[in-house]
Amino acid sequence: MSLLSAHKVTIEEIARLVGHSSTNVTETVYRHEIRPALTEGAVAMNKIFKPKAG
């Protein structure tokens, strides 16, 4: 899971690959490994939507 997440595989694809019926199961089982990916996404969104000074 962590290798897939580190290579930008979506949670939906990971859930399908490991045979989970939904992403809820994947998120519950692998929560500690998903958090870094979510944090990275949040940082990227902050950069994208940050108001420009000026």
PDB file of N, CA and C in Angstrom:
ATOM      1  N   MET A   1       0.811  -1.186   0.000  1.00  0.00           N
ATOM      2  CA  MET A   1       0.000   0.000   0.000  1.00  0.00           C
ATOM      3  C   MET A   1       0.855   1.249   0.000  1.00  0.00           C
ATOM      4  N   SER A   2       1.829   1.332   0.867  1.00  0.00           N
ATOM      5  CA  SER A   2       2.633   2.551   0.952  1.00  0.00           C
ATOM      6  C   SER A   2       3.411   2.782  -0.332  1.00  0.00           C
ATOM      7  N   LEU A   3       3.876   1.727  -0.967  1.00  0.00           N
ATOM      8  CA  LEU A   3       4.586   1.898  -2.245  1.00  0.00           C
ATOM      9  C   LEU A   3       3.648   2.427  -3.318  1.00  0.00           C
ATOM     10  N   LEU A   4       2.438   1.913  -3.360  1.00  0.00           N
ATOM     11  CA  LEU A   4       1.467   2.391  -4.336  1.00  0.00           C
ATOM     12  C   LEU A   4       1.131   3.850  -4.082  1.00  0.00           C
ATOM     13  N   SER A   5       0.881   4.191  -2.845  1.00  0.00           N
ATOM     14  CA  SER A   5       0.554   5.567  -2.484  1.00  0.00           C
ATOM     15  C   SER A   5       1.715   6.506  -2.818  1.00  0.00           C
ATOM     16  N   ALA A   6       2.922   6.072  -2.550  1.00  0.00           N
ATOM     17  CA  ALA A   6       4.099   6.900  -2.848  1.00  0.00           C
ATOM     18  C   ALA A   6       4.280   7.137  -4.341  1.00  0.00           C
ATOM     19  N   HIS A   7       3.721   6.250  -5.143  1.00  0.00           N
ATOM     20  CA  HIS A   7       3.810   6.401  -6.600  1.00  0.00           C
ATOM     21  C   HIS A   7       2.533   6.970  -7.195  1.00  0.00           C
ATOM     22  N   LYS A   8       1.793   7.695  -6.354  1.00  0.00           N
ATOM     23  CA  LYS A   8       0.617   8.461  -6.786  1.00  0.00           C
ATOM     24  C   LYS A   8      -0.556   7.620  -7.281  1.00  0.00           C
ATOM     25  N   VAL A   9      -0.652   6.368  -6.841  1.00  0.00           N
ATOM     26  CA  VAL A   9      -1.814   5.546  -7.183  1.00  0.00           C
ATOM     27  C   VAL A   9      -2.963   6.013  -6.295  1.00  0.00           C
ATOM     28  N   THR A  10      -4.126   6.245  -6.882  1.00  0.00           N
ATOM     29  CA  THR A  10      -5.260   6.762  -6.120  1.00  0.00           C
ATOM     30  C   THR A  10      -5.780   5.725  -5.134  1.00  0.00           C
ATOM     31  N   ILE A  11      -6.467   6.220  -4.102  1.00  0.00           N
ATOM     32  CA  ILE A  11      -7.039   5.333  -3.093  1.00  0.00           C
ATOM     33  C   ILE A  11      -8.071   4.400  -3.719  1.00  0.00           C
ATOM     34  N   GLU A  12      -8.784   4.880  -4.731  1.00  0.00           N
ATOM     35  CA  GLU A  12      -9.772   4.042  -5.410  1.00  0.00           C
ATOM     36  C   GLU A  12      -9.110   2.865  -6.124  1.00  0.00           C
ATOM     37  N   GLU A  13      -8.014   3.146  -6.795  1.00  0.00           N
ATOM     38  CA  GLU A  13      -7.299   2.080  -7.498  1.00  0.00           C
ATOM     39  C   GLU A  13      -6.677   1.096  -6.511  1.00  0.00           C
ATOM     40  N   ILE A  14      -6.137   1.609  -5.428  1.00  0.00           N
ATOM     41  CA  ILE A  14      -5.553   0.731  -4.410  1.00  0.00           C
ATOM     42  C   ILE A  14      -6.631  -0.183  -3.834  1.00  0.00           C
ATOM     43  N   ALA A  15      -7.802   0.378  -3.549  1.00  0.00           N
ATOM     44  CA  ALA A  15      -8.909  -0.424  -3.014  1.00  0.00           C
ATOM     45  C   ALA A  15      -9.261  -1.553  -3.974  1.00  0.00           C
ATOM     46  N   ARG A  16      -9.330  -1.252  -5.264  1.00  0.00           N
ATOM     47  CA  ARG A  16      -9.642  -2.291  -6.256  1.00  0.00           C
ATOM     48  C   ARG A  16      -8.540  -3.346  -6.299  1.00  0.00           C
ATOM     49  N   LEU A  17      -7.297  -2.895  -6.281  1.00  0.00           N
ATOM     50  CA  LEU A  17      -6.169  -3.827  -6.384  1.00  0.00           C
ATOM     51  C   LEU A  17      -6.102  -4.805  -5.216  1.00  0.00           C
ATOM     52  N   VAL A  18      -6.417  -4.322  -4.011  1.00  0.00           N
ATOM     53  CA  VAL A  18      -6.321  -5.197  -2.836  1.00  0.00           C
ATOM     54  C   VAL A  18      -7.622  -5.923  -2.544  1.00  0.00           C
ATOM     55  N   GLY A  19      -8.646  -5.672  -3.355  1.00  0.00           N
ATOM     56  CA  GLY A  19      -9.891  -6.419  -3.225  1.00  0.00           C
ATOM     57  C   GLY A  19     -10.874  -5.892  -2.204  1.00  0.00           C
ATOM     58  N   HIS A  20     -10.720  -4.631  -1.796  1.00  0.00           N
ATOM     59  CA  HIS A  20     -11.679  -4.051  -0.858  1.00  0.00           C
ATOM     60  C   HIS A  20     -12.934  -3.628  -1.607  1.00  0.00           C
ATOM     61  N   SER A  21     -14.069  -3.759  -0.953  1.00  0.00           N
ATOM     62  CA  SER A  21     -15.342  -3.430  -1.590  1.00  0.00           C
ATOM     63  C   SER A  21     -15.566  -1.924  -1.699  1.00  0.00           C
ATOM     64  N   SER A  22     -14.851  -1.155  -0.907  1.00  0.00           N
ATOM     65  CA  SER A  22     -14.968   0.301  -0.974  1.00  0.00           C
ATOM     66  C   SER A  22     -13.681   0.940  -0.465  1.00  0.00           C
ATOM     67  N   THR A  23     -13.553   2.234  -0.705  1.00  0.00           N
ATOM     68  CA  THR A  23     -12.379   2.938  -0.192  1.00  0.00           C
ATOM     69  C   THR A  23     -12.444   3.096   1.320  1.00  0.00           C
ATOM     70  N   ASN A  24     -13.645   2.975   1.906  1.00  0.00           N
ATOM     71  CA  ASN A  24     -13.772   3.082   3.367  1.00  0.00           C
ATOM     72  C   ASN A  24     -12.935   2.018   4.058  1.00  0.00           C
ATOM     73  N   VAL A  25     -12.977   0.807   3.545  1.00  0.00           N
ATOM     74  CA  VAL A  25     -12.196  -0.283   4.125  1.00  0.00           C
ATOM     75  C   VAL A  25     -10.704   0.031   3.990  1.00  0.00           C
ATOM     76  N   THR A  26     -10.292   0.445   2.807  1.00  0.00           N
ATOM     77  CA  THR A  26      -8.886   0.757   2.552  1.00  0.00           C
ATOM     78  C   THR A  26      -8.416   1.872   3.471  1.00  0.00           C
ATOM     79  N   GLU A  27      -9.215   2.922   3.598  1.00  0.00           N
ATOM     80  CA  GLU A  27      -8.848   4.055   4.447  1.00  0.00           C
ATOM     81  C   GLU A  27      -8.744   3.643   5.912  1.00  0.00           C
ATOM     82  N   THR A  28      -9.626   2.770   6.363  1.00  0.00           N
ATOM     83  CA  THR A  28      -9.594   2.313   7.749  1.00  0.00           C
ATOM     84  C   THR A  28      -8.359   1.453   8.026  1.00  0.00           C
ATOM     85  N   VAL A  29      -8.081   0.521   7.131  1.00  0.00           N
ATOM     86  CA  VAL A  29      -6.967  -0.403   7.325  1.00  0.00           C
ATOM     87  C   VAL A  29      -5.619   0.299   7.176  1.00  0.00           C
ATOM     88  N   TYR A  30      -5.527   1.207   6.210  1.00  0.00           N
ATOM     89  CA  TYR A  30      -4.239   1.818   5.879  1.00  0.00           C
ATOM     90  C   TYR A  30      -4.162   3.291   6.243  1.00  0.00           C
ATOM     91  N   ARG A  31      -4.972   3.722   7.181  1.00  0.00           N
ATOM     92  CA  ARG A  31      -5.042   5.149   7.534  1.00  0.00           C
ATOM     93  C   ARG A  31      -3.668   5.769   7.804  1.00  0.00           C
ATOM     94  N   HIS A  32      -2.814   5.076   8.538  1.00  0.00           N
ATOM     95  CA  HIS A  32      -1.491   5.608   8.886  1.00  0.00           C
ATOM     96  C   HIS A  32      -0.612   5.785   7.654  1.00  0.00           C
ATOM     97  N   GLU A  33      -0.867   5.044   6.605  1.00  0.00           N
ATOM     98  CA  GLU A  33      -0.063   5.167   5.395  1.00  0.00           C
ATOM     99  C   GLU A  33      -0.662   6.169   4.417  1.00  0.00           C
ATOM    100  N   ILE A  34      -1.935   6.437   4.515  1.00  0.00           N
ATOM    101  CA  ILE A  34      -2.599   7.362   3.608  1.00  0.00           C
ATOM    102  C   ILE A  34      -2.357   8.812   4.022  1.00  0.00           C
ATOM    103  N   ARG A  35      -2.221   9.040   5.310  1.00  0.00           N
ATOM    104  CA  ARG A  35      -2.082  10.409   5.810  1.00  0.00           C
ATOM    105  C   ARG A  35      -0.995  11.214   5.094  1.00  0.00           C
ATOM    106  N   PRO A  36       0.212  10.689   4.860  1.00  0.00           N
ATOM    107  CA  PRO A  36       1.215  11.476   4.137  1.00  0.00           C
ATOM    108  C   PRO A  36       0.743  11.885   2.729  1.00  0.00           C
ATOM    109  N   ALA A  37       0.036  11.020   2.056  1.00  0.00           N
ATOM    110  CA  ALA A  37      -0.459  11.352   0.722  1.00  0.00           C
ATOM    111  C   ALA A  37      -1.506  12.457   0.804  1.00  0.00           C
ATOM    112  N   LEU A  38      -2.362  12.401   1.812  1.00  0.00           N
ATOM    113  CA  LEU A  38      -3.374  13.439   1.982  1.00  0.00           C
ATOM    114  C   LEU A  38      -2.721  14.768   2.317  1.00  0.00           C
ATOM    115  N   THR A  39      -1.701  14.728   3.170  1.00  0.00           N
ATOM    116  CA  THR A  39      -0.988  15.950   3.533  1.00  0.00           C
ATOM    117  C   THR A  39      -0.322  16.560   2.306  1.00  0.00           C
ATOM    118  N   GLU A  40       0.286  15.737   1.492  1.00  0.00           N
ATOM    119  CA  GLU A  40       0.927  16.221   0.267  1.00  0.00           C
ATOM    120  C   GLU A  40      -0.101  16.882  -0.651  1.00  0.00           C
ATOM    121  N   GLY A  41      -1.263  16.287  -0.760  1.00  0.00           N
ATOM    122  CA  GLY A  41      -2.324  16.856  -1.578  1.00  0.00           C
ATOM    123  C   GLY A  41      -2.799  18.194  -1.030  1.00  0.00           C
ATOM    124  N   ALA A  42      -2.921  18.292   0.282  1.00  0.00           N
ATOM    125  CA  ALA A  42      -3.352  19.545   0.906  1.00  0.00           C
ATOM    126  C   ALA A  42      -2.332  20.652   0.683  1.00  0.00           C
ATOM    127  N   VAL A  43      -1.061  20.328   0.777  1.00  0.00           N
ATOM    128  CA  VAL A  43      -0.011  21.318   0.535  1.00  0.00           C
ATOM    129  C   VAL A  43      -0.071  21.811  -0.910  1.00  0.00           C
ATOM    130  N   ALA A  44      -0.254  20.885  -1.838  1.00  0.00           N
ATOM    131  CA  ALA A  44      -0.354  21.267  -3.248  1.00  0.00           C
ATOM    132  C   ALA A  44      -1.555  22.186  -3.475  1.00  0.00           C
ATOM    133  N   MET A  45      -2.699  21.868  -2.871  1.00  0.00           N
ATOM    134  CA  MET A  45      -3.887  22.709  -3.042  1.00  0.00           C
ATOM    135  C   MET A  45      -3.688  24.089  -2.435  1.00  0.00           C
ATOM    136  N   ASN A  46      -2.995  24.160  -1.311  1.00  0.00           N
ATOM    137  CA  ASN A  46      -2.700  25.466  -0.720  1.00  0.00           C
ATOM    138  C   ASN A  46      -1.871  26.321  -1.667  1.00  0.00           C
ATOM    139  N   LYS A  47      -0.915  25.714  -2.341  1.00  0.00           N
ATOM    140  CA  LYS A  47      -0.091  26.450  -3.298  1.00  0.00           C
ATOM    141  C   LYS A  47      -0.913  26.911  -4.483  1.00  0.00           C
ATOM    142  N   ILE A  48      -1.794  26.050  -4.964  1.00  0.00           N
ATOM    143  CA  ILE A  48      -2.621  26.371  -6.127  1.00  0.00           C
ATOM    144  C   ILE A  48      -3.577  27.512  -5.829  1.00  0.00           C
ATOM    145  N   PHE A  49      -4.230  27.469  -4.673  1.00  0.00           N
ATOM    146  CA  PHE A  49      -5.288  28.424  -4.372  1.00  0.00           C
ATOM    147  C   PHE A  49      -4.847  29.582  -3.479  1.00  0.00           C
ATOM    148  N   LYS A  50      -3.557  29.686  -3.203  1.00  0.00           N
ATOM    149  CA  LYS A  50      -3.052  30.763  -2.367  1.00  0.00           C
ATOM    150  C   LYS A  50      -3.237  32.090  -3.095  1.00  0.00           C
ATOM    151  N   PRO A  51      -3.851  33.084  -2.402  1.00  0.00           N
ATOM    152  CA  PRO A  51      -4.026  34.387  -3.049  1.00  0.00           C
ATOM    153  C   PRO A  51      -2.681  35.011  -3.393  1.00  0.00           C
ATOM    154  N   LYS A  52      -2.637  35.628  -4.534  1.00  0.00           N
ATOM    155  CA  LYS A  52      -1.400  36.264  -4.962  1.00  0.00           C
ATOM    156  C   LYS A  52      -1.264  37.633  -4.283  1.00  0.00           C
ATOM    157  N   ALA A  53      -0.067  37.905  -3.796  1.00  0.00           N
ATOM    158  CA  ALA A  53       0.197  39.188  -3.147  1.00  0.00           C
ATOM    159  C   ALA A  53       0.242  40.282  -4.207  1.00  0.00           C
ATOM    160  N   GLY A  54      -0.296  41.397  -3.835  1.00  0.00           N
ATOM    161  CA  GLY A  54      -0.090  42.427  -4.733  1.00  0.00           C
ATOM    162  C   GLY A  54      -0.934  43.372  -5.275  1.00  0.00           C
TER     163      GLY A  54
END
